Amino acid sequence: FTREDFDHAMATDPPSLRTADAKSKRASTYEGSTATPALEDILAEMQNGTTLILNRLNRREPKLGLLCRILSQELGHVFSTNLYLTPSNGQGFTPHYDNHDVFILQVLGFKHWKIEKKRRKWPDRGVNRMDDKEGREIQGEAHSFTLNQGDVIYIPRGFVHAAECGSEPSLHITLGLHPFTWSDL
């Protein structure tokens, strides 16, 4: 997946765009017919450090769709992709955990990550990580590292983590693993 692929996804009338900014704790969603006209507003937000998010792009982008289908066939679980374009020195989210496992694929630039060394929660799929206001800071010991272009990291569900962009823009793909669990049965 390249920057050109990202540009193409943005140019082909995206059905849903989101923005998030950890510093102002502001998030916005632009759906359907409001997504494309809002691009100028989104670009202005990005100049102030806001992250642009393309959720479930695997449903529209052939390369990401193929990746998810192959992984689903091989592993027997559902996969999805979200893309995060963060401007220099930006941060999309405050520390949080996800309710599913994720692989972070760094496509362009780099990001500084912190991940707590101990799992804090075993969240069910129905738990929305952003509704849980507990633990919005990294607590205890944490892994700190920089993910560079071409690097991949795995973050199991329930591990609190946060990422900040460095001195250049960053594009990463979050590959979500949505396994079938005993509670599903």
N, C-alpha and C. Protein backbone atom coordinates (compact mmCIF):
# COMPACT_ATOMS: atom_id res chain seq x y z
N PHE A 1 0.86 -1.17 0.00
CA PHE A 1 0.00 0.00 0.00
C PHE A 1 0.90 1.23 0.00
N THR A 2 0.65 2.14 -0.91
CA THR A 2 1.53 3.29 -1.10
C THR A 2 0.80 4.61 -0.81
N ARG A 3 1.55 5.68 -0.82
CA ARG A 3 0.93 7.00 -0.67
C ARG A 3 -0.02 7.28 -1.83
N GLU A 4 0.33 6.81 -3.01
CA GLU A 4 -0.55 6.99 -4.16
C GLU A 4 -1.88 6.25 -3.95
N ASP A 5 -1.81 5.05 -3.35
CA ASP A 5 -3.04 4.31 -3.03
C ASP A 5 -3.89 5.09 -2.04
N PHE A 6 -3.25 5.70 -1.06
CA PHE A 6 -3.97 6.52 -0.09
C PHE A 6 -4.62 7.71 -0.78
N ASP A 7 -3.85 8.40 -1.64
CA ASP A 7 -4.39 9.56 -2.37
C ASP A 7 -5.60 9.15 -3.20
N HIS A 8 -5.50 7.98 -3.85
CA HIS A 8 -6.61 7.48 -4.67
C HIS A 8 -7.84 7.21 -3.79
N ALA A 9 -7.63 6.61 -2.62
CA ALA A 9 -8.75 6.34 -1.71
C ALA A 9 -9.43 7.63 -1.27
N MET A 10 -8.66 8.68 -1.07
CA MET A 10 -9.22 9.97 -0.68
C MET A 10 -9.95 10.64 -1.85
N ALA A 11 -9.46 10.43 -3.06
CA ALA A 11 -10.03 11.11 -4.23
C ALA A 11 -11.29 10.44 -4.75
N THR A 12 -11.56 9.21 -4.32
CA THR A 12 -12.71 8.48 -4.86
C THR A 12 -13.89 8.51 -3.91
N ASP A 13 -14.25 9.71 -3.47
CA ASP A 13 -15.44 9.96 -2.68
C ASP A 13 -15.56 9.01 -1.49
N PRO A 14 -14.71 9.19 -0.48
CA PRO A 14 -14.76 8.30 0.68
C PRO A 14 -16.11 8.41 1.40
N PRO A 15 -16.70 7.25 1.76
CA PRO A 15 -18.00 7.29 2.41
C PRO A 15 -17.95 7.77 3.85
N SER A 16 -16.78 7.68 4.48
CA SER A 16 -16.68 8.07 5.88
C SER A 16 -15.25 8.51 6.19
N LEU A 17 -15.12 9.66 6.81
CA LEU A 17 -13.82 10.17 7.26
C LEU A 17 -13.96 10.52 8.73
N ARG A 18 -12.90 10.29 9.48
CA ARG A 18 -12.89 10.69 10.88
C ARG A 18 -11.62 11.49 11.13
N THR A 19 -11.67 12.33 12.13
CA THR A 19 -10.47 13.02 12.59
C THR A 19 -10.42 12.88 14.10
N ALA A 20 -9.20 12.91 14.63
CA ALA A 20 -9.03 12.83 16.08
C ALA A 20 -7.78 13.60 16.46
N ASP A 21 -7.86 14.27 17.60
CA ASP A 21 -6.73 15.03 18.10
C ASP A 21 -6.64 14.85 19.61
N ALA A 22 -5.56 14.22 20.07
CA ALA A 22 -5.40 13.95 21.50
C ALA A 22 -5.24 15.23 22.30
N LYS A 23 -4.56 16.22 21.73
CA LYS A 23 -4.28 17.45 22.49
C LYS A 23 -5.56 18.22 22.82
N SER A 24 -6.44 18.36 21.84
CA SER A 24 -7.69 19.09 22.08
C SER A 24 -8.82 18.15 22.52
N LYS A 25 -8.55 16.83 22.49
CA LYS A 25 -9.54 15.80 22.84
C LYS A 25 -10.80 15.95 21.98
N ARG A 26 -10.55 16.28 20.72
CA ARG A 26 -11.65 16.52 19.79
C ARG A 26 -11.64 15.44 18.71
N ALA A 27 -12.81 14.96 18.35
CA ALA A 27 -12.95 13.99 17.27
C ALA A 27 -14.17 14.37 16.44
N SER A 28 -14.09 14.14 15.14
CA SER A 28 -15.20 14.46 14.24
C SER A 28 -15.40 13.31 13.27
N THR A 29 -16.63 13.16 12.82
CA THR A 29 -16.96 12.15 11.81
C THR A 29 -17.68 12.84 10.67
N TYR A 30 -17.27 12.51 9.45
CA TYR A 30 -17.89 13.04 8.25
C TYR A 30 -18.38 11.84 7.45
N GLU A 31 -19.69 11.72 7.30
CA GLU A 31 -20.30 10.56 6.65
C GLU A 31 -20.91 10.93 5.30
N GLY A 32 -20.90 9.97 4.40
CA GLY A 32 -21.60 10.07 3.13
C GLY A 32 -21.34 11.36 2.38
N SER A 33 -22.40 12.09 2.07
CA SER A 33 -22.28 13.28 1.23
C SER A 33 -21.56 14.43 1.92
N THR A 34 -21.38 14.36 3.24
CA THR A 34 -20.66 15.44 3.93
C THR A 34 -19.15 15.21 3.93
N ALA A 35 -18.70 14.00 3.57
CA ALA A 35 -17.27 13.68 3.66
C ALA A 35 -16.44 14.50 2.67
N THR A 36 -16.80 14.49 1.40
CA THR A 36 -15.98 15.17 0.40
C THR A 36 -15.97 16.69 0.55
N PRO A 37 -17.11 17.36 0.76
CA PRO A 37 -17.06 18.81 0.95
C PRO A 37 -16.26 19.22 2.19
N ALA A 38 -16.13 18.33 3.15
CA ALA A 38 -15.44 18.66 4.40
C ALA A 38 -13.93 18.59 4.27
N LEU A 39 -13.41 18.20 3.12
CA LEU A 39 -11.96 18.03 2.97
C LEU A 39 -11.18 19.28 3.31
N GLU A 40 -11.69 20.45 2.94
CA GLU A 40 -10.98 21.69 3.29
C GLU A 40 -10.92 21.89 4.79
N ASP A 41 -12.02 21.58 5.48
CA ASP A 41 -12.04 21.68 6.94
C ASP A 41 -11.06 20.67 7.56
N ILE A 42 -11.03 19.47 7.00
CA ILE A 42 -10.14 18.43 7.51
C ILE A 42 -8.69 18.84 7.33
N LEU A 43 -8.35 19.39 6.17
CA LEU A 43 -6.98 19.84 5.93
C LEU A 43 -6.58 20.93 6.92
N ALA A 44 -7.52 21.83 7.23
CA ALA A 44 -7.23 22.87 8.22
C ALA A 44 -6.99 22.26 9.60
N GLU A 45 -7.79 21.24 9.96
CA GLU A 45 -7.58 20.55 11.23
C GLU A 45 -6.21 19.88 11.26
N MET A 46 -5.84 19.26 10.15
CA MET A 46 -4.56 18.55 10.09
C MET A 46 -3.38 19.51 10.24
N GLN A 47 -3.52 20.72 9.77
CA GLN A 47 -2.44 21.69 9.95
C GLN A 47 -2.21 22.01 11.42
N ASN A 48 -3.21 21.71 12.26
CA ASN A 48 -3.08 21.92 13.70
C ASN A 48 -2.78 20.63 14.45
N GLY A 49 -2.41 19.56 13.71
CA GLY A 49 -1.98 18.31 14.36
C GLY A 49 -3.00 17.21 14.42
N THR A 50 -4.17 17.40 13.82
CA THR A 50 -5.23 16.40 13.88
C THR A 50 -4.94 15.24 12.92
N THR A 51 -5.25 14.02 13.36
CA THR A 51 -5.07 12.81 12.57
C THR A 51 -6.30 12.55 11.71
N LEU A 52 -6.08 12.16 10.46
CA LEU A 52 -7.16 11.77 9.54
C LEU A 52 -7.27 10.25 9.58
N ILE A 53 -8.49 9.75 9.71
CA ILE A 53 -8.73 8.31 9.86
C ILE A 53 -9.67 7.83 8.76
N LEU A 54 -9.27 6.77 8.08
CA LEU A 54 -10.14 6.10 7.11
C LEU A 54 -10.45 4.72 7.67
N ASN A 55 -11.67 4.55 8.18
CA ASN A 55 -12.06 3.26 8.77
C ASN A 55 -12.51 2.27 7.72
N ARG A 56 -12.23 1.00 7.99
CA ARG A 56 -12.68 -0.12 7.16
C ARG A 56 -12.39 0.08 5.67
N LEU A 57 -11.21 0.61 5.39
CA LEU A 57 -10.85 0.87 3.99
C LEU A 57 -10.72 -0.43 3.20
N ASN A 58 -10.56 -1.56 3.88
CA ASN A 58 -10.50 -2.85 3.19
C ASN A 58 -11.78 -3.14 2.41
N ARG A 59 -12.87 -2.46 2.74
CA ARG A 59 -14.13 -2.67 2.01
C ARG A 59 -14.15 -1.97 0.66
N ARG A 60 -13.21 -1.00 0.46
CA ARG A 60 -13.20 -0.22 -0.79
C ARG A 60 -11.90 -0.32 -1.55
N GLU A 61 -10.81 -0.61 -0.87
CA GLU A 61 -9.50 -0.59 -1.50
C GLU A 61 -9.07 -2.03 -1.78
N PRO A 62 -8.85 -2.38 -3.08
CA PRO A 62 -8.59 -3.77 -3.45
C PRO A 62 -7.40 -4.42 -2.75
N LYS A 63 -6.29 -3.71 -2.60
CA LYS A 63 -5.11 -4.32 -1.96
C LYS A 63 -5.38 -4.66 -0.50
N LEU A 64 -6.03 -3.76 0.21
CA LEU A 64 -6.33 -4.01 1.62
C LEU A 64 -7.41 -5.07 1.76
N GLY A 65 -8.38 -5.07 0.85
CA GLY A 65 -9.40 -6.12 0.85
C GLY A 65 -8.80 -7.49 0.64
N LEU A 66 -7.87 -7.60 -0.29
CA LEU A 66 -7.21 -8.88 -0.55
C LEU A 66 -6.42 -9.34 0.67
N LEU A 67 -5.68 -8.42 1.29
CA LEU A 67 -4.92 -8.75 2.49
C LEU A 67 -5.84 -9.33 3.57
N CYS A 68 -6.97 -8.68 3.82
CA CYS A 68 -7.90 -9.15 4.84
C CYS A 68 -8.52 -10.50 4.47
N ARG A 69 -8.87 -10.69 3.20
CA ARG A 69 -9.46 -11.97 2.78
C ARG A 69 -8.46 -13.11 2.92
N ILE A 70 -7.22 -12.88 2.51
CA ILE A 70 -6.19 -13.94 2.62
C ILE A 70 -5.96 -14.30 4.08
N LEU A 71 -5.79 -13.30 4.93
CA LEU A 71 -5.57 -13.57 6.35
C LEU A 71 -6.79 -14.28 6.97
N SER A 72 -7.98 -13.89 6.59
CA SER A 72 -9.19 -14.53 7.10
C SER A 72 -9.24 -16.00 6.68
N GLN A 73 -8.90 -16.29 5.43
CA GLN A 73 -8.89 -17.67 4.95
C GLN A 73 -7.83 -18.51 5.66
N GLU A 74 -6.66 -17.93 5.86
CA GLU A 74 -5.56 -18.67 6.48
C GLU A 74 -5.78 -18.90 7.97
N LEU A 75 -6.35 -17.92 8.67
CA LEU A 75 -6.43 -17.98 10.12
C LEU A 75 -7.84 -18.23 10.67
N GLY A 76 -8.84 -18.11 9.81
CA GLY A 76 -10.20 -18.40 10.24
C GLY A 76 -10.86 -17.33 11.08
N HIS A 77 -10.35 -16.12 11.03
CA HIS A 77 -10.92 -15.00 11.78
C HIS A 77 -11.12 -13.81 10.85
N VAL A 78 -11.92 -12.85 11.29
CA VAL A 78 -12.21 -11.66 10.49
C VAL A 78 -11.12 -10.61 10.72
N PHE A 79 -10.70 -9.95 9.64
CA PHE A 79 -9.72 -8.86 9.70
C PHE A 79 -10.33 -7.62 9.06
N SER A 80 -9.87 -6.46 9.52
CA SER A 80 -10.29 -5.19 8.92
C SER A 80 -9.12 -4.21 9.01
N THR A 81 -9.21 -3.12 8.25
CA THR A 81 -8.14 -2.12 8.27
C THR A 81 -8.69 -0.73 8.52
N ASN A 82 -7.94 0.02 9.31
CA ASN A 82 -8.14 1.46 9.48
C ASN A 82 -6.82 2.12 9.14
N LEU A 83 -6.87 3.26 8.47
CA LEU A 83 -5.65 4.00 8.13
C LEU A 83 -5.61 5.30 8.91
N TYR A 84 -4.41 5.66 9.36
CA TYR A 84 -4.21 6.86 10.16
C TYR A 84 -3.11 7.70 9.53
N LEU A 85 -3.47 8.87 9.06
CA LEU A 85 -2.51 9.83 8.52
C LEU A 85 -2.36 10.95 9.55
N THR A 86 -1.17 11.03 10.13
CA THR A 86 -0.92 11.99 11.20
C THR A 86 0.12 13.00 10.74
N PRO A 87 -0.16 14.29 10.88
CA PRO A 87 0.83 15.30 10.49
C PRO A 87 2.00 15.34 11.49
N SER A 88 3.05 16.02 11.11
CA SER A 88 4.23 16.17 11.97
C SER A 88 3.82 16.57 13.38
N ASN A 89 4.41 15.90 14.36
CA ASN A 89 4.22 16.19 15.78
C ASN A 89 2.77 16.07 16.25
N GLY A 90 1.93 15.36 15.49
CA GLY A 90 0.54 15.16 15.87
C GLY A 90 0.34 13.89 16.66
N GLN A 91 -0.84 13.81 17.30
CA GLN A 91 -1.24 12.61 18.04
C GLN A 91 -2.74 12.48 17.94
N GLY A 92 -3.21 11.35 17.43
CA GLY A 92 -4.64 11.16 17.26
C GLY A 92 -5.39 10.88 18.54
N PHE A 93 -4.90 9.94 19.35
CA PHE A 93 -5.63 9.51 20.52
C PHE A 93 -4.79 9.58 21.78
N THR A 94 -5.45 9.83 22.89
CA THR A 94 -4.79 9.70 24.19
C THR A 94 -4.58 8.20 24.45
N PRO A 95 -3.82 7.83 25.47
CA PRO A 95 -3.64 6.41 25.75
C PRO A 95 -4.99 5.70 25.89
N HIS A 96 -5.07 4.50 25.32
CA HIS A 96 -6.31 3.72 25.33
C HIS A 96 -5.96 2.26 25.06
N TYR A 97 -6.95 1.39 25.18
CA TYR A 97 -6.80 -0.01 24.78
C TYR A 97 -7.85 -0.29 23.71
N ASP A 98 -7.62 -1.33 22.94
CA ASP A 98 -8.59 -1.74 21.93
C ASP A 98 -9.32 -2.99 22.41
N ASN A 99 -10.53 -3.22 21.91
CA ASN A 99 -11.30 -4.40 22.29
C ASN A 99 -11.06 -5.57 21.34
N HIS A 100 -10.01 -5.47 20.53
CA HIS A 100 -9.59 -6.54 19.63
C HIS A 100 -8.08 -6.42 19.44
N ASP A 101 -7.46 -7.48 18.96
CA ASP A 101 -6.02 -7.46 18.71
C ASP A 101 -5.74 -6.64 17.44
N VAL A 102 -4.57 -5.99 17.41
CA VAL A 102 -4.21 -5.20 16.23
C VAL A 102 -2.74 -5.43 15.85
N PHE A 103 -2.51 -5.35 14.58
CA PHE A 103 -1.15 -5.27 14.03
C PHE A 103 -1.02 -3.87 13.45
N ILE A 104 0.05 -3.17 13.78
CA ILE A 104 0.30 -1.83 13.25
C ILE A 104 1.33 -1.98 12.14
N LEU A 105 0.99 -1.56 10.93
CA LEU A 105 1.88 -1.62 9.77
C LEU A 105 2.28 -0.20 9.42
N GLN A 106 3.52 0.17 9.67
CA GLN A 106 3.98 1.53 9.42
C GLN A 106 4.30 1.68 7.93
N VAL A 107 3.52 2.50 7.23
CA VAL A 107 3.64 2.65 5.77
C VAL A 107 4.59 3.78 5.39
N LEU A 108 4.44 4.94 6.01
CA LEU A 108 5.28 6.11 5.72
C LEU A 108 5.68 6.79 7.02
N GLY A 109 6.87 7.36 7.04
CA GLY A 109 7.32 8.09 8.21
C GLY A 109 7.60 7.18 9.38
N PHE A 110 7.42 7.71 10.58
CA PHE A 110 7.64 6.94 11.81
C PHE A 110 6.75 7.47 12.91
N LYS A 111 6.53 6.65 13.93
CA LYS A 111 5.77 7.06 15.10
C LYS A 111 6.45 6.51 16.34
N HIS A 112 6.38 7.29 17.42
CA HIS A 112 6.89 6.88 18.72
C HIS A 112 5.74 6.23 19.49
N TRP A 113 5.95 5.01 19.97
CA TRP A 113 4.92 4.26 20.66
C TRP A 113 5.30 4.00 22.10
N LYS A 114 4.27 3.91 22.95
CA LYS A 114 4.40 3.43 24.32
C LYS A 114 3.29 2.42 24.52
N ILE A 115 3.66 1.25 25.03
CA ILE A 115 2.68 0.19 25.31
C ILE A 115 2.96 -0.34 26.71
N GLU A 116 1.94 -0.33 27.55
CA GLU A 116 2.13 -0.87 28.89
C GLU A 116 2.55 -2.33 28.82
N LYS A 117 3.42 -2.73 29.73
CA LYS A 117 3.94 -4.10 29.73
C LYS A 117 2.93 -5.11 30.26
N LYS A 118 1.94 -4.65 31.03
CA LYS A 118 0.92 -5.55 31.57
C LYS A 118 -0.44 -5.20 30.99
N ARG A 119 -1.19 -6.26 30.66
CA ARG A 119 -2.56 -6.06 30.17
C ARG A 119 -3.39 -5.49 31.30
N ARG A 120 -4.14 -4.45 31.01
CA ARG A 120 -4.96 -3.82 32.04
C ARG A 120 -6.39 -4.35 32.04
N LYS A 121 -6.89 -4.77 30.90
CA LYS A 121 -8.28 -5.21 30.78
C LYS A 121 -8.35 -6.42 29.83
N TRP A 122 -9.45 -7.17 29.96
CA TRP A 122 -9.83 -8.19 28.97
C TRP A 122 -11.17 -7.74 28.40
N PRO A 123 -11.16 -6.71 27.56
CA PRO A 123 -12.45 -6.16 27.10
C PRO A 123 -13.17 -7.08 26.13
N ASP A 124 -14.49 -7.14 26.28
CA ASP A 124 -15.32 -7.84 25.32
C ASP A 124 -15.43 -7.00 24.06
N ARG A 125 -15.84 -7.64 23.00
CA ARG A 125 -15.97 -6.94 21.72
C ARG A 125 -16.93 -5.76 21.81
N GLY A 126 -17.96 -5.85 22.63
CA GLY A 126 -18.95 -4.79 22.74
C GLY A 126 -18.48 -3.57 23.52
N VAL A 127 -17.33 -3.68 24.19
CA VAL A 127 -16.81 -2.55 24.97
C VAL A 127 -16.15 -1.55 24.04
N ASN A 128 -16.61 -0.31 24.11
CA ASN A 128 -16.00 0.75 23.29
C ASN A 128 -14.88 1.38 24.09
N ARG A 129 -13.65 1.22 23.62
CA ARG A 129 -12.48 1.70 24.35
C ARG A 129 -12.52 3.20 24.60
N MET A 130 -13.20 3.94 23.76
CA MET A 130 -13.22 5.40 23.91
C MET A 130 -14.26 5.83 24.95
N ASP A 131 -15.23 4.96 25.29
CA ASP A 131 -16.20 5.31 26.33
C ASP A 131 -15.62 5.11 27.72
N ASP A 132 -14.61 4.26 27.84
CA ASP A 132 -13.99 3.96 29.12
C ASP A 132 -12.97 5.04 29.45
N LYS A 133 -13.31 5.90 30.40
CA LYS A 133 -12.43 7.02 30.73
C LYS A 133 -11.33 6.63 31.70
N GLU A 134 -11.40 5.40 32.25
CA GLU A 134 -10.36 4.94 33.16
C GLU A 134 -9.06 4.72 32.40
N GLY A 135 -7.97 5.15 33.00
CA GLY A 135 -6.67 4.81 32.44
C GLY A 135 -6.30 5.56 31.19
N ARG A 136 -6.47 6.84 31.17
CA ARG A 136 -6.09 7.63 30.02
C ARG A 136 -4.64 8.07 30.06
N GLU A 137 -3.86 7.47 30.96
CA GLU A 137 -2.42 7.73 31.04
C GLU A 137 -1.70 6.39 31.06
N ILE A 138 -0.51 6.36 30.53
CA ILE A 138 0.32 5.16 30.63
C ILE A 138 0.72 5.02 32.10
N GLN A 139 0.46 3.84 32.66
CA GLN A 139 0.79 3.58 34.07
C GLN A 139 1.79 2.44 34.15
N GLY A 140 2.65 2.49 35.14
CA GLY A 140 3.60 1.40 35.33
C GLY A 140 4.63 1.34 34.22
N GLU A 141 5.26 0.17 34.10
CA GLU A 141 6.31 0.00 33.10
C GLU A 141 5.70 -0.08 31.69
N ALA A 142 6.41 0.51 30.75
CA ALA A 142 5.92 0.52 29.37
C ALA A 142 7.08 0.29 28.41
N HIS A 143 6.77 -0.38 27.32
CA HIS A 143 7.72 -0.47 26.21
C HIS A 143 7.66 0.86 25.48
N SER A 144 8.81 1.45 25.18
CA SER A 144 8.88 2.68 24.39
C SER A 144 9.78 2.42 23.20
N PHE A 145 9.30 2.74 22.02
CA PHE A 145 10.07 2.46 20.81
C PHE A 145 9.53 3.31 19.66
N THR A 146 10.30 3.34 18.59
CA THR A 146 9.90 4.03 17.37
C THR A 146 9.62 3.00 16.30
N LEU A 147 8.46 3.09 15.68
CA LEU A 147 8.09 2.24 14.57
C LEU A 147 8.42 2.99 13.29
N ASN A 148 9.34 2.45 12.50
CA ASN A 148 9.78 3.10 11.26
C ASN A 148 9.07 2.49 10.06
N GLN A 149 9.17 3.17 8.93
CA GLN A 149 8.55 2.70 7.69
C GLN A 149 8.95 1.25 7.44
N GLY A 150 7.96 0.38 7.20
CA GLY A 150 8.20 -1.03 6.94
C GLY A 150 8.12 -1.90 8.19
N ASP A 151 8.06 -1.30 9.39
CA ASP A 151 7.98 -2.07 10.63
C ASP A 151 6.55 -2.48 10.94
N VAL A 152 6.43 -3.55 11.74
CA VAL A 152 5.13 -4.06 12.17
C VAL A 152 5.22 -4.35 13.67
N ILE A 153 4.14 -4.08 14.39
CA ILE A 153 4.06 -4.43 15.81
C ILE A 153 2.68 -5.03 16.06
N TYR A 154 2.63 -5.99 16.99
CA TYR A 154 1.38 -6.63 17.41
C TYR A 154 1.01 -6.11 18.80
N ILE A 155 -0.24 -5.68 18.97
CA ILE A 155 -0.73 -5.21 20.27
C ILE A 155 -2.00 -6.01 20.60
N PRO A 156 -1.90 -6.91 21.59
CA PRO A 156 -3.10 -7.66 21.98
C PRO A 156 -4.15 -6.76 22.61
N ARG A 157 -5.41 -7.17 22.55
CA ARG A 157 -6.48 -6.38 23.14
C ARG A 157 -6.23 -6.18 24.63
N GLY A 158 -6.65 -5.02 25.11
CA GLY A 158 -6.55 -4.74 26.53
C GLY A 158 -5.25 -4.11 26.98
N PHE A 159 -4.26 -3.98 26.10
CA PHE A 159 -3.00 -3.33 26.46
C PHE A 159 -3.11 -1.84 26.15
N VAL A 160 -2.91 -1.01 27.15
CA VAL A 160 -2.99 0.43 26.95
C VAL A 160 -1.78 0.88 26.15
N HIS A 161 -2.05 1.72 25.15
CA HIS A 161 -0.97 2.18 24.26
C HIS A 161 -1.29 3.59 23.75
N ALA A 162 -0.24 4.23 23.26
CA ALA A 162 -0.38 5.56 22.65
C ALA A 162 0.75 5.75 21.66
N ALA A 163 0.51 6.57 20.65
CA ALA A 163 1.53 6.85 19.63
C ALA A 163 1.55 8.34 19.34
N GLU A 164 2.73 8.85 19.09
CA GLU A 164 2.91 10.25 18.69
C GLU A 164 3.75 10.30 17.45
N CYS A 165 3.38 11.19 16.55
CA CYS A 165 4.12 11.36 15.31
C CYS A 165 5.39 12.16 15.58
N GLY A 166 6.42 11.87 14.82
CA GLY A 166 7.67 12.59 14.96
C GLY A 166 7.70 13.85 14.10
N SER A 167 8.87 14.16 13.60
CA SER A 167 9.08 15.42 12.88
C SER A 167 8.60 15.40 11.43
N GLU A 168 8.09 14.26 10.98
CA GLU A 168 7.54 14.19 9.62
C GLU A 168 6.19 13.47 9.67
N PRO A 169 5.35 13.65 8.67
CA PRO A 169 4.04 12.99 8.67
C PRO A 169 4.19 11.47 8.70
N SER A 170 3.16 10.82 9.19
CA SER A 170 3.16 9.37 9.34
C SER A 170 1.86 8.80 8.79
N LEU A 171 1.98 7.65 8.12
CA LEU A 171 0.81 6.89 7.68
C LEU A 171 0.99 5.47 8.17
N HIS A 172 0.01 4.99 8.95
CA HIS A 172 0.07 3.58 9.34
C HIS A 172 -1.30 2.94 9.15
N ILE A 173 -1.24 1.64 8.96
CA ILE A 173 -2.45 0.82 8.82
C ILE A 173 -2.60 0.04 10.12
N THR A 174 -3.78 0.12 10.71
CA THR A 174 -4.10 -0.76 11.82
C THR A 174 -4.89 -1.92 11.24
N LEU A 175 -4.30 -3.10 11.34
CA LEU A 175 -4.94 -4.33 10.86
C LEU A 175 -5.58 -4.98 12.07
N GLY A 176 -6.90 -4.88 12.15
CA GLY A 176 -7.63 -5.41 13.29
C GLY A 176 -7.95 -6.88 13.12
N LEU A 177 -7.69 -7.66 14.15
CA LEU A 177 -8.01 -9.09 14.19
C LEU A 177 -9.22 -9.25 15.10
N HIS A 178 -10.31 -9.73 14.54
CA HIS A 178 -11.56 -9.89 15.28
C HIS A 178 -11.85 -11.39 15.39
N PRO A 179 -11.26 -12.05 16.39
CA PRO A 179 -11.40 -13.52 16.48
C PRO A 179 -12.78 -13.93 16.96
N PHE A 180 -13.13 -15.16 16.65
CA PHE A 180 -14.33 -15.76 17.20
C PHE A 180 -13.94 -16.30 18.58
N THR A 181 -14.75 -15.99 19.57
CA THR A 181 -14.42 -16.35 20.94
C THR A 181 -15.51 -17.25 21.55
N TRP A 182 -15.22 -17.78 22.74
CA TRP A 182 -16.21 -18.60 23.43
C TRP A 182 -17.47 -17.79 23.71
N SER A 183 -17.32 -16.53 24.01
CA SER A 183 -18.51 -15.72 24.29
C SER A 183 -19.37 -15.56 23.04
N ASP A 184 -18.77 -15.65 21.84
CA ASP A 184 -19.56 -15.61 20.61
C ASP A 184 -20.47 -16.84 20.52
N LEU A 185 -19.95 -17.97 20.98
CA LEU A 185 -20.75 -19.20 20.95
C LEU A 185 -21.88 -19.15 21.96
